[in-house]
Amino acid sequence: MLREPVSSIVDPDAGGMSGRTGRYEKRLSDLVGLYENAEAYEALLGSEGDLLVYDVEDFRPGEHTGDINYGVTRMSPGRVGREFYLTRGHIHAKADRPEIYFGQRGYGLMHLESPAGETRIVEIKPQTICYVPPFWIHRSVNVGDEDLVMVFAYPSDSGQDYGIIEASNGMRHRIVADNSGGWELVDNTAYKPRTDQQVAALMKQYA
């Protein structure tokens, strides 16, 4: 049975879209353990309350092969200590699935990490398309002073694996504010590299 075509109108100012089938949000309390400076995290949570860090509106036709999920992510500006607001990050459960992000508003980064621990950074500004290739772990970071709004699309059967980041105590690098109003990469001192066997098993899983 053929599915009917649909359309969605993106609102870059509000960070949402019409025709959505779902919505979820992540608040500061949902991101416990992600930031290096635990004292700064607890202080912000105590003084400002459970702030909204990001929300997602999406259209999901299903989880079958051959279709596409799409939606809009809106991230608030802010920092925990020197570290910018970020998403939880994931690799796709079917790791050979790619993803596309299309910047609509603000200034952010796509922070990518290979299974072997290589880091790549793609800047995202309005009208920037970021291609996330298969097998790359990725998370979004808002390094600007306004909302970061992005459209995304990925294969419907991709799934998300958030545990790969947690198992390594975060990503190899953290993105923090530098001394000139910009950003820089610093080492995550708690990072636990994946073994050669873990990397090989992941890379051949869907070969």
N, C-alpha and C. Protein backbone atom coordinates (compact mmCIF):
# COMPACT_ATOMS: atom_id res chain seq x y z
N MET A 1 0.84 -1.20 0.00
CA MET A 1 0.00 0.00 0.00
C MET A 1 0.88 1.25 0.00
N LEU A 2 0.63 2.13 -0.94
CA LEU A 2 1.42 3.34 -1.04
C LEU A 2 1.09 4.31 0.09
N ARG A 3 2.12 4.94 0.64
CA ARG A 3 1.93 5.99 1.62
C ARG A 3 1.64 7.31 0.90
N GLU A 4 0.89 8.17 1.57
CA GLU A 4 0.60 9.46 0.99
C GLU A 4 1.76 10.43 1.21
N PRO A 5 2.08 11.26 0.24
CA PRO A 5 3.10 12.29 0.44
C PRO A 5 2.66 13.27 1.53
N VAL A 6 3.63 13.84 2.23
CA VAL A 6 3.35 14.82 3.27
C VAL A 6 4.31 16.00 3.11
N SER A 7 4.00 17.10 3.77
CA SER A 7 4.92 18.24 3.80
C SER A 7 4.93 18.80 5.21
N SER A 8 6.04 19.41 5.58
CA SER A 8 6.18 20.05 6.88
C SER A 8 6.79 21.44 6.68
N ILE A 9 6.28 22.41 7.39
CA ILE A 9 6.82 23.77 7.34
C ILE A 9 7.70 23.98 8.56
N VAL A 10 8.96 24.33 8.31
CA VAL A 10 9.92 24.56 9.39
C VAL A 10 9.84 26.00 9.85
N ASP A 11 9.81 26.19 11.17
CA ASP A 11 9.82 27.53 11.77
C ASP A 11 11.18 27.73 12.44
N PRO A 12 12.13 28.40 11.78
CA PRO A 12 13.46 28.57 12.36
C PRO A 12 13.47 29.37 13.66
N ASP A 13 12.52 30.28 13.81
CA ASP A 13 12.48 31.11 15.01
C ASP A 13 12.01 30.32 16.23
N ALA A 14 10.95 29.55 16.05
CA ALA A 14 10.42 28.75 17.16
C ALA A 14 11.16 27.43 17.30
N GLY A 15 11.83 27.00 16.23
CA GLY A 15 12.56 25.74 16.27
C GLY A 15 11.67 24.53 16.22
N GLY A 16 10.61 24.60 15.44
CA GLY A 16 9.70 23.46 15.31
C GLY A 16 9.24 23.30 13.88
N MET A 17 8.28 22.42 13.68
CA MET A 17 7.75 22.20 12.33
C MET A 17 6.32 21.70 12.41
N SER A 18 5.59 21.88 11.33
CA SER A 18 4.23 21.35 11.24
C SER A 18 4.29 19.89 10.82
N GLY A 19 3.20 19.19 11.03
CA GLY A 19 3.09 17.81 10.58
C GLY A 19 3.87 16.80 11.37
N ARG A 20 4.29 17.18 12.54
CA ARG A 20 5.10 16.26 13.34
C ARG A 20 4.26 15.09 13.85
N THR A 21 4.92 13.96 14.09
CA THR A 21 4.26 12.83 14.74
C THR A 21 4.74 12.63 16.17
N GLY A 22 5.79 13.36 16.56
CA GLY A 22 6.31 13.22 17.92
C GLY A 22 7.13 14.42 18.34
N ARG A 23 7.32 14.52 19.64
CA ARG A 23 8.17 15.58 20.21
C ARG A 23 8.75 15.08 21.52
N TYR A 24 10.02 15.42 21.77
CA TYR A 24 10.60 15.15 23.09
C TYR A 24 11.57 16.26 23.43
N GLU A 25 11.89 16.37 24.71
CA GLU A 25 12.81 17.40 25.17
C GLU A 25 13.78 16.84 26.19
N LYS A 26 14.93 17.48 26.29
CA LYS A 26 15.92 17.11 27.29
C LYS A 26 16.23 18.34 28.13
N ARG A 27 16.07 18.17 29.43
CA ARG A 27 16.38 19.24 30.37
C ARG A 27 17.71 18.97 31.04
N LEU A 28 18.16 19.95 31.81
CA LEU A 28 19.47 19.84 32.43
C LEU A 28 19.60 18.58 33.26
N SER A 29 18.54 18.21 33.98
CA SER A 29 18.59 17.02 34.83
C SER A 29 18.74 15.73 34.03
N ASP A 30 18.33 15.75 32.74
CA ASP A 30 18.46 14.57 31.89
C ASP A 30 19.90 14.35 31.43
N LEU A 31 20.75 15.37 31.61
CA LEU A 31 22.11 15.32 31.09
C LEU A 31 23.13 15.15 32.21
N VAL A 32 22.70 14.63 33.34
CA VAL A 32 23.62 14.40 34.45
C VAL A 32 24.74 13.46 34.02
N GLY A 33 25.97 13.79 34.40
CA GLY A 33 27.11 12.96 34.08
C GLY A 33 27.77 13.27 32.77
N LEU A 34 27.17 14.13 31.94
CA LEU A 34 27.75 14.44 30.64
C LEU A 34 28.84 15.50 30.72
N TYR A 35 28.76 16.35 31.73
CA TYR A 35 29.69 17.48 31.83
C TYR A 35 30.82 17.16 32.80
N GLU A 36 32.00 17.66 32.48
CA GLU A 36 33.17 17.36 33.29
C GLU A 36 33.11 18.01 34.67
N ASN A 37 32.62 19.25 34.72
CA ASN A 37 32.60 20.01 35.96
C ASN A 37 31.29 19.73 36.71
N ALA A 38 31.31 18.71 37.56
CA ALA A 38 30.10 18.31 38.28
C ALA A 38 29.63 19.40 39.24
N GLU A 39 30.57 20.14 39.83
CA GLU A 39 30.17 21.21 40.76
C GLU A 39 29.45 22.33 40.02
N ALA A 40 29.94 22.69 38.85
CA ALA A 40 29.28 23.73 38.05
C ALA A 40 27.90 23.26 37.60
N TYR A 41 27.79 21.98 37.27
CA TYR A 41 26.49 21.40 36.87
C TYR A 41 25.48 21.51 38.02
N GLU A 42 25.87 21.08 39.20
CA GLU A 42 24.97 21.11 40.35
C GLU A 42 24.63 22.55 40.73
N ALA A 43 25.58 23.46 40.62
CA ALA A 43 25.33 24.86 40.94
C ALA A 43 24.33 25.47 39.97
N LEU A 44 24.47 25.17 38.68
CA LEU A 44 23.53 25.69 37.68
C LEU A 44 22.14 25.11 37.89
N LEU A 45 22.07 23.83 38.16
CA LEU A 45 20.78 23.18 38.40
C LEU A 45 20.11 23.78 39.63
N GLY A 46 20.90 24.08 40.66
CA GLY A 46 20.35 24.63 41.89
C GLY A 46 19.92 26.07 41.76
N SER A 47 20.66 26.87 40.98
CA SER A 47 20.36 28.29 40.88
C SER A 47 19.33 28.62 39.80
N GLU A 48 19.35 27.88 38.69
CA GLU A 48 18.47 28.20 37.56
C GLU A 48 17.32 27.22 37.38
N GLY A 49 17.36 26.10 38.10
CA GLY A 49 16.31 25.10 37.94
C GLY A 49 16.59 24.17 36.77
N ASP A 50 15.60 23.38 36.45
CA ASP A 50 15.77 22.34 35.43
C ASP A 50 15.57 22.93 34.03
N LEU A 51 16.58 23.63 33.54
CA LEU A 51 16.50 24.36 32.28
C LEU A 51 16.29 23.41 31.10
N LEU A 52 15.56 23.91 30.09
CA LEU A 52 15.40 23.17 28.84
C LEU A 52 16.65 23.36 28.01
N VAL A 53 17.35 22.27 27.69
CA VAL A 53 18.58 22.36 26.92
C VAL A 53 18.29 22.18 25.43
N TYR A 54 17.49 21.18 25.07
CA TYR A 54 17.11 21.03 23.67
C TYR A 54 15.81 20.25 23.54
N ASP A 55 15.13 20.46 22.41
CA ASP A 55 13.92 19.72 22.12
C ASP A 55 13.91 19.32 20.65
N VAL A 56 13.17 18.26 20.36
CA VAL A 56 13.14 17.68 19.02
C VAL A 56 11.69 17.44 18.61
N GLU A 57 11.33 17.89 17.43
CA GLU A 57 10.06 17.55 16.81
C GLU A 57 10.36 16.75 15.55
N ASP A 58 9.65 15.64 15.36
CA ASP A 58 10.00 14.80 14.20
C ASP A 58 8.79 14.18 13.54
N PHE A 59 9.01 13.70 12.35
CA PHE A 59 8.02 12.93 11.58
C PHE A 59 8.62 11.57 11.33
N ARG A 60 7.95 10.53 11.83
CA ARG A 60 8.43 9.16 11.69
C ARG A 60 7.36 8.31 11.01
N PRO A 61 7.57 7.95 9.76
CA PRO A 61 6.60 7.12 9.06
C PRO A 61 6.61 5.67 9.53
N GLY A 62 7.68 5.25 10.20
CA GLY A 62 7.78 3.87 10.66
C GLY A 62 9.23 3.51 10.89
N GLU A 63 9.50 2.23 11.11
CA GLU A 63 10.87 1.78 11.34
C GLU A 63 11.32 0.80 10.27
N HIS A 64 10.63 0.78 9.15
CA HIS A 64 10.94 -0.18 8.10
C HIS A 64 12.06 0.34 7.20
N THR A 65 12.77 -0.57 6.59
CA THR A 65 13.85 -0.23 5.67
C THR A 65 13.30 0.50 4.45
N GLY A 66 14.04 1.50 3.99
CA GLY A 66 13.68 2.18 2.77
C GLY A 66 12.91 3.46 2.95
N ASP A 67 12.72 3.90 4.19
CA ASP A 67 12.00 5.14 4.44
C ASP A 67 12.91 6.10 5.21
N ILE A 68 12.41 7.30 5.47
CA ILE A 68 13.21 8.35 6.09
C ILE A 68 12.44 9.00 7.24
N ASN A 69 13.12 9.17 8.38
CA ASN A 69 12.63 10.03 9.45
C ASN A 69 13.25 11.40 9.29
N TYR A 70 12.50 12.44 9.64
CA TYR A 70 13.08 13.78 9.60
C TYR A 70 12.49 14.62 10.72
N GLY A 71 13.14 15.74 10.99
CA GLY A 71 12.62 16.59 12.06
C GLY A 71 13.47 17.82 12.27
N VAL A 72 13.23 18.49 13.39
CA VAL A 72 13.91 19.73 13.74
C VAL A 72 14.41 19.64 15.18
N THR A 73 15.67 19.97 15.38
CA THR A 73 16.25 20.08 16.72
C THR A 73 16.46 21.56 17.05
N ARG A 74 16.05 21.98 18.24
CA ARG A 74 16.32 23.34 18.71
C ARG A 74 17.11 23.24 20.00
N MET A 75 18.29 23.85 20.04
CA MET A 75 19.15 23.83 21.21
C MET A 75 19.29 25.22 21.80
N SER A 76 19.14 25.33 23.12
CA SER A 76 19.34 26.60 23.80
C SER A 76 20.83 26.92 23.88
N PRO A 77 21.17 28.21 23.95
CA PRO A 77 22.56 28.58 24.22
C PRO A 77 22.83 28.45 25.72
N GLY A 78 24.05 28.15 26.08
CA GLY A 78 24.40 28.07 27.50
C GLY A 78 25.65 27.25 27.72
N ARG A 79 26.15 27.30 28.95
CA ARG A 79 27.35 26.56 29.30
C ARG A 79 27.21 26.01 30.71
N VAL A 80 27.92 24.92 30.94
CA VAL A 80 28.12 24.37 32.27
C VAL A 80 29.60 24.54 32.57
N GLY A 81 29.93 25.52 33.37
CA GLY A 81 31.33 25.89 33.51
C GLY A 81 31.82 26.45 32.19
N ARG A 82 32.89 25.88 31.66
CA ARG A 82 33.41 26.29 30.35
C ARG A 82 32.81 25.50 29.20
N GLU A 83 32.06 24.43 29.53
CA GLU A 83 31.59 23.50 28.51
C GLU A 83 30.23 23.91 27.96
N PHE A 84 30.11 23.95 26.64
CA PHE A 84 28.88 24.39 26.00
C PHE A 84 27.78 23.33 26.12
N TYR A 85 26.53 23.79 26.03
CA TYR A 85 25.40 22.87 25.98
C TYR A 85 25.57 21.90 24.81
N LEU A 86 25.20 20.64 25.05
CA LEU A 86 25.37 19.60 24.05
C LEU A 86 24.21 18.61 24.11
N THR A 87 24.07 17.82 23.06
CA THR A 87 23.10 16.73 23.08
C THR A 87 23.76 15.47 23.62
N ARG A 88 22.95 14.47 23.95
CA ARG A 88 23.51 13.23 24.50
C ARG A 88 24.47 12.58 23.51
N GLY A 89 24.14 12.62 22.24
CA GLY A 89 24.98 12.02 21.23
C GLY A 89 24.71 10.52 21.08
N HIS A 90 25.02 10.00 19.89
CA HIS A 90 24.76 8.58 19.63
C HIS A 90 25.52 8.12 18.39
N ILE A 91 25.57 6.83 18.22
CA ILE A 91 25.87 6.19 16.95
C ILE A 91 24.59 5.47 16.56
N HIS A 92 24.36 5.25 15.32
CA HIS A 92 23.14 4.55 14.95
C HIS A 92 23.23 3.08 15.34
N ALA A 93 22.12 2.54 15.81
CA ALA A 93 22.10 1.13 16.20
C ALA A 93 22.47 0.24 15.02
N LYS A 94 22.01 0.61 13.83
CA LYS A 94 22.52 0.03 12.59
C LYS A 94 23.60 1.01 12.13
N ALA A 95 24.82 0.71 12.50
CA ALA A 95 25.88 1.70 12.45
C ALA A 95 26.25 2.14 11.04
N ASP A 96 25.80 1.41 10.03
CA ASP A 96 26.14 1.80 8.65
C ASP A 96 25.14 2.79 8.06
N ARG A 97 24.28 3.37 8.91
CA ARG A 97 23.30 4.34 8.44
C ARG A 97 23.84 5.76 8.61
N PRO A 98 23.68 6.62 7.59
CA PRO A 98 24.15 8.00 7.68
C PRO A 98 23.06 8.93 8.21
N GLU A 99 23.39 10.21 8.30
CA GLU A 99 22.42 11.23 8.72
C GLU A 99 22.83 12.56 8.11
N ILE A 100 21.85 13.42 7.90
CA ILE A 100 22.10 14.76 7.37
C ILE A 100 21.50 15.79 8.33
N TYR A 101 22.24 16.87 8.59
CA TYR A 101 21.75 18.01 9.36
C TYR A 101 21.83 19.25 8.49
N PHE A 102 20.81 20.10 8.56
CA PHE A 102 20.74 21.30 7.74
C PHE A 102 20.50 22.50 8.66
N GLY A 103 21.52 23.34 8.82
CA GLY A 103 21.42 24.48 9.72
C GLY A 103 20.38 25.49 9.28
N GLN A 104 19.58 25.96 10.24
CA GLN A 104 18.53 26.94 9.98
C GLN A 104 18.76 28.26 10.71
N ARG A 105 19.35 28.17 11.90
CA ARG A 105 19.53 29.36 12.73
C ARG A 105 20.64 29.09 13.73
N GLY A 106 21.40 30.13 14.09
CA GLY A 106 22.40 30.01 15.13
C GLY A 106 23.74 29.50 14.62
N TYR A 107 24.59 29.16 15.57
CA TYR A 107 25.94 28.69 15.27
C TYR A 107 26.28 27.53 16.19
N GLY A 108 26.55 26.40 15.58
CA GLY A 108 26.85 25.21 16.37
C GLY A 108 27.90 24.35 15.71
N LEU A 109 28.20 23.25 16.36
CA LEU A 109 29.17 22.29 15.87
C LEU A 109 28.56 20.90 15.86
N MET A 110 28.92 20.11 14.86
CA MET A 110 28.66 18.68 14.92
C MET A 110 29.97 18.05 15.35
N HIS A 111 29.94 17.43 16.52
CA HIS A 111 31.12 16.80 17.11
C HIS A 111 31.05 15.32 16.77
N LEU A 112 32.00 14.85 15.97
CA LEU A 112 31.99 13.47 15.48
C LEU A 112 33.21 12.72 16.00
N GLU A 113 33.01 11.43 16.24
CA GLU A 113 34.10 10.57 16.68
C GLU A 113 33.98 9.22 15.99
N SER A 114 35.08 8.75 15.43
CA SER A 114 35.11 7.42 14.83
C SER A 114 35.16 6.37 15.94
N PRO A 115 34.80 5.13 15.64
CA PRO A 115 34.92 4.08 16.65
C PRO A 115 36.32 3.97 17.24
N ALA A 116 37.36 4.29 16.43
CA ALA A 116 38.74 4.21 16.91
C ALA A 116 39.16 5.44 17.69
N GLY A 117 38.28 6.46 17.78
CA GLY A 117 38.58 7.62 18.60
C GLY A 117 39.07 8.85 17.88
N GLU A 118 38.99 8.87 16.56
CA GLU A 118 39.36 10.07 15.81
C GLU A 118 38.25 11.12 15.94
N THR A 119 38.63 12.37 16.06
CA THR A 119 37.66 13.46 16.23
C THR A 119 37.57 14.29 14.95
N ARG A 120 36.35 14.65 14.58
CA ARG A 120 36.11 15.59 13.49
C ARG A 120 35.09 16.62 13.98
N ILE A 121 35.22 17.85 13.52
CA ILE A 121 34.30 18.93 13.86
C ILE A 121 33.78 19.56 12.57
N VAL A 122 32.46 19.70 12.46
CA VAL A 122 31.85 20.39 11.33
C VAL A 122 31.05 21.57 11.89
N GLU A 123 31.39 22.78 11.45
CA GLU A 123 30.64 23.96 11.87
C GLU A 123 29.29 23.98 11.18
N ILE A 124 28.26 24.38 11.91
CA ILE A 124 26.92 24.46 11.34
C ILE A 124 26.37 25.87 11.57
N LYS A 125 26.08 26.53 10.47
CA LYS A 125 25.45 27.85 10.47
C LYS A 125 24.23 27.79 9.56
N PRO A 126 23.43 28.84 9.48
CA PRO A 126 22.28 28.80 8.57
C PRO A 126 22.69 28.44 7.14
N GLN A 127 21.95 27.53 6.56
CA GLN A 127 22.14 27.03 5.20
C GLN A 127 23.36 26.13 5.05
N THR A 128 23.89 25.63 6.17
CA THR A 128 24.97 24.64 6.13
C THR A 128 24.38 23.24 6.21
N ILE A 129 24.78 22.38 5.29
CA ILE A 129 24.39 20.97 5.34
C ILE A 129 25.58 20.17 5.85
N CYS A 130 25.37 19.40 6.89
CA CYS A 130 26.40 18.52 7.45
C CYS A 130 26.01 17.07 7.17
N TYR A 131 26.90 16.36 6.52
CA TYR A 131 26.71 14.93 6.25
C TYR A 131 27.47 14.13 7.29
N VAL A 132 26.74 13.31 8.03
CA VAL A 132 27.35 12.41 9.02
C VAL A 132 27.44 11.03 8.37
N PRO A 133 28.64 10.57 8.01
CA PRO A 133 28.77 9.28 7.33
C PRO A 133 28.42 8.11 8.26
N PRO A 134 28.22 6.94 7.69
CA PRO A 134 28.02 5.74 8.51
C PRO A 134 29.17 5.53 9.49
N PHE A 135 28.87 4.93 10.62
CA PHE A 135 29.83 4.49 11.64
C PHE A 135 30.41 5.63 12.49
N TRP A 136 29.94 6.85 12.32
CA TRP A 136 30.46 7.95 13.14
C TRP A 136 29.52 8.26 14.30
N ILE A 137 30.08 8.30 15.50
CA ILE A 137 29.36 8.79 16.68
C ILE A 137 29.23 10.30 16.51
N HIS A 138 28.09 10.88 16.90
CA HIS A 138 27.92 12.31 16.69
C HIS A 138 27.01 12.92 17.75
N ARG A 139 27.32 14.17 18.07
CA ARG A 139 26.48 14.97 18.95
C ARG A 139 26.55 16.42 18.50
N SER A 140 25.52 17.19 18.84
CA SER A 140 25.46 18.61 18.48
C SER A 140 25.85 19.46 19.68
N VAL A 141 26.52 20.58 19.41
CA VAL A 141 26.97 21.49 20.45
C VAL A 141 26.61 22.92 20.01
N ASN A 142 25.94 23.67 20.87
CA ASN A 142 25.61 25.06 20.57
C ASN A 142 26.71 25.96 21.13
N VAL A 143 27.53 26.52 20.24
CA VAL A 143 28.62 27.40 20.68
C VAL A 143 28.29 28.87 20.43
N GLY A 144 27.05 29.16 20.05
CA GLY A 144 26.63 30.53 19.80
C GLY A 144 25.90 31.14 20.97
N ASP A 145 25.33 32.31 20.75
CA ASP A 145 24.62 33.02 21.82
C ASP A 145 23.12 33.10 21.56
N GLU A 146 22.61 32.29 20.63
CA GLU A 146 21.19 32.19 20.37
C GLU A 146 20.84 30.72 20.12
N ASP A 147 19.55 30.44 19.96
CA ASP A 147 19.14 29.07 19.69
C ASP A 147 19.84 28.53 18.44
N LEU A 148 20.23 27.27 18.50
CA LEU A 148 20.72 26.54 17.34
C LEU A 148 19.57 25.68 16.82
N VAL A 149 19.17 25.91 15.57
CA VAL A 149 18.06 25.17 14.98
C VAL A 149 18.56 24.44 13.74
N MET A 150 18.29 23.13 13.69
CA MET A 150 18.74 22.30 12.58
C MET A 150 17.62 21.36 12.15
N VAL A 151 17.50 21.16 10.85
CA VAL A 151 16.68 20.09 10.29
C VAL A 151 17.57 18.85 10.15
N PHE A 152 17.01 17.68 10.42
CA PHE A 152 17.78 16.44 10.26
C PHE A 152 16.95 15.41 9.50
N ALA A 153 17.65 14.43 8.92
CA ALA A 153 16.99 13.32 8.24
C ALA A 153 17.90 12.11 8.28
N TYR A 154 17.31 10.93 8.50
CA TYR A 154 18.09 9.69 8.56
C TYR A 154 17.18 8.51 8.23
N PRO A 155 17.74 7.37 7.79
CA PRO A 155 16.93 6.20 7.45
C PRO A 155 16.09 5.74 8.65
N SER A 156 14.86 5.37 8.37
CA SER A 156 13.91 5.05 9.44
C SER A 156 14.31 3.86 10.30
N ASP A 157 15.11 2.97 9.76
CA ASP A 157 15.48 1.78 10.52
C ASP A 157 16.82 1.94 11.24
N SER A 158 17.34 3.17 11.33
CA SER A 158 18.67 3.39 11.90
C SER A 158 18.75 3.02 13.37
N GLY A 159 17.81 3.52 14.17
CA GLY A 159 17.89 3.37 15.62
C GLY A 159 19.02 4.22 16.19
N GLN A 160 19.04 4.37 17.51
CA GLN A 160 20.09 5.14 18.18
C GLN A 160 20.70 4.32 19.31
N ASP A 161 22.01 4.33 19.37
CA ASP A 161 22.75 3.67 20.45
C ASP A 161 23.46 4.76 21.25
N TYR A 162 22.93 5.10 22.42
CA TYR A 162 23.52 6.12 23.28
C TYR A 162 24.59 5.53 24.20
N GLY A 163 24.56 4.23 24.38
CA GLY A 163 25.44 3.59 25.34
C GLY A 163 26.90 3.61 24.94
N ILE A 164 27.20 3.74 23.65
CA ILE A 164 28.59 3.70 23.21
C ILE A 164 29.39 4.87 23.79
N ILE A 165 28.74 6.02 23.97
CA ILE A 165 29.41 7.17 24.57
C ILE A 165 29.56 6.96 26.08
N GLU A 166 28.52 6.50 26.71
CA GLU A 166 28.56 6.26 28.15
C GLU A 166 29.64 5.24 28.50
N ALA A 167 29.79 4.19 27.68
CA ALA A 167 30.76 3.13 27.98
C ALA A 167 32.20 3.64 27.92
N SER A 168 32.42 4.72 27.17
CA SER A 168 33.76 5.29 27.06
C SER A 168 33.94 6.52 27.96
N ASN A 169 33.00 6.72 28.87
CA ASN A 169 33.05 7.90 29.76
C ASN A 169 33.07 9.20 28.97
N GLY A 170 32.25 9.26 27.93
CA GLY A 170 32.16 10.44 27.10
C GLY A 170 32.94 10.29 25.81
N MET A 171 33.03 11.37 25.05
CA MET A 171 33.81 11.38 23.82
C MET A 171 35.25 11.78 24.15
N ARG A 172 36.16 11.51 23.22
CA ARG A 172 37.59 11.72 23.48
C ARG A 172 37.90 13.18 23.81
N HIS A 173 37.17 14.10 23.20
CA HIS A 173 37.39 15.52 23.43
C HIS A 173 36.13 16.20 23.96
N ARG A 174 36.34 17.30 24.65
CA ARG A 174 35.26 18.17 25.09
C ARG A 174 35.39 19.51 24.36
N ILE A 175 34.25 20.16 24.16
CA ILE A 175 34.25 21.47 23.49
C ILE A 175 33.95 22.52 24.54
N VAL A 176 34.91 23.42 24.75
CA VAL A 176 34.80 24.41 25.82
C VAL A 176 35.07 25.80 25.27
N ALA A 177 34.67 26.81 26.04
CA ALA A 177 34.93 28.19 25.66
C ALA A 177 36.42 28.50 25.82
N ASP A 178 36.98 29.22 24.84
CA ASP A 178 38.37 29.64 24.97
C ASP A 178 38.43 31.03 25.59
N ASN A 179 39.57 31.65 25.58
CA ASN A 179 39.74 32.95 26.24
C ASN A 179 39.47 34.13 25.32
N SER A 180 39.03 33.87 24.10
CA SER A 180 38.78 34.96 23.16
C SER A 180 37.35 34.99 22.64
N GLY A 181 36.45 34.32 23.34
CA GLY A 181 35.05 34.31 22.93
C GLY A 181 34.69 33.23 21.94
N GLY A 182 35.61 32.35 21.65
CA GLY A 182 35.35 31.24 20.74
C GLY A 182 35.30 29.92 21.46
N TRP A 183 35.72 28.86 20.79
CA TRP A 183 35.68 27.52 21.37
C TRP A 183 36.99 26.80 21.06
N GLU A 184 37.25 25.76 21.82
CA GLU A 184 38.42 24.92 21.58
C GLU A 184 38.14 23.50 22.04
N LEU A 185 38.93 22.57 21.51
CA LEU A 185 38.86 21.18 21.93
C LEU A 185 39.87 20.95 23.05
N VAL A 186 39.43 20.24 24.08
CA VAL A 186 40.35 19.81 25.14
C VAL A 186 40.15 18.32 25.36
N ASP A 187 41.17 17.67 25.87
CA ASP A 187 41.08 16.23 26.13
C ASP A 187 40.08 15.94 27.23
N ASN A 188 39.33 14.85 27.06
CA ASN A 188 38.49 14.32 28.12
C ASN A 188 39.36 13.35 28.92
N THR A 189 39.77 13.77 30.09
CA THR A 189 40.73 12.98 30.89
C THR A 189 40.13 11.66 31.38
N ALA A 190 38.81 11.54 31.35
CA ALA A 190 38.17 10.31 31.81
C ALA A 190 37.91 9.32 30.67
N TYR A 191 38.28 9.70 29.45
CA TYR A 191 37.95 8.89 28.27
C TYR A 191 38.56 7.50 28.34
N LYS A 192 37.75 6.51 27.97
CA LYS A 192 38.18 5.11 27.94
C LYS A 192 38.12 4.62 26.50
N PRO A 193 39.27 4.47 25.83
CA PRO A 193 39.27 4.06 24.42
C PRO A 193 38.65 2.68 24.23
N ARG A 194 38.06 2.48 23.06
CA ARG A 194 37.55 1.16 22.72
C ARG A 194 38.71 0.27 22.29
N THR A 195 38.59 -1.01 22.56
CA THR A 195 39.63 -1.95 22.19
C THR A 195 39.60 -2.19 20.68
N ASP A 196 40.70 -2.71 20.16
CA ASP A 196 40.75 -3.06 18.73
C ASP A 196 39.66 -4.06 18.39
N GLN A 197 39.38 -4.96 19.30
CA GLN A 197 38.35 -5.97 19.06
C GLN A 197 36.96 -5.33 19.00
N GLN A 198 36.70 -4.36 19.87
CA GLN A 198 35.42 -3.67 19.85
C GLN A 198 35.23 -2.88 18.56
N VAL A 199 36.29 -2.21 18.12
CA VAL A 199 36.23 -1.43 16.88
C VAL A 199 35.99 -2.34 15.70
N ALA A 200 36.72 -3.44 15.62
CA ALA A 200 36.59 -4.37 14.50
C ALA A 200 35.20 -4.97 14.45
N ALA A 201 34.66 -5.32 15.62
CA ALA A 201 33.31 -5.91 15.65
C ALA A 201 32.26 -4.92 15.18
N LEU A 202 32.42 -3.66 15.55
CA LEU A 202 31.46 -2.64 15.13
C LEU A 202 31.56 -2.39 13.64
N MET A 203 32.76 -2.29 13.12
CA MET A 203 32.94 -1.95 11.71
C MET A 203 32.48 -3.06 10.76
N LYS A 204 32.55 -4.29 11.20
CA LYS A 204 32.15 -5.40 10.31
C LYS A 204 30.73 -5.84 10.55
N GLN A 205 30.06 -5.24 11.53
CA GLN A 205 28.73 -5.70 11.93
C GLN A 205 27.75 -5.68 10.76
N TYR A 206 27.86 -4.64 9.93
CA TYR A 206 26.92 -4.52 8.82
C TYR A 206 27.63 -4.49 7.47
N ALA A 207 28.83 -5.06 7.44
CA ALA A 207 29.59 -5.08 6.17
C ALA A 207 28.92 -5.99 5.15
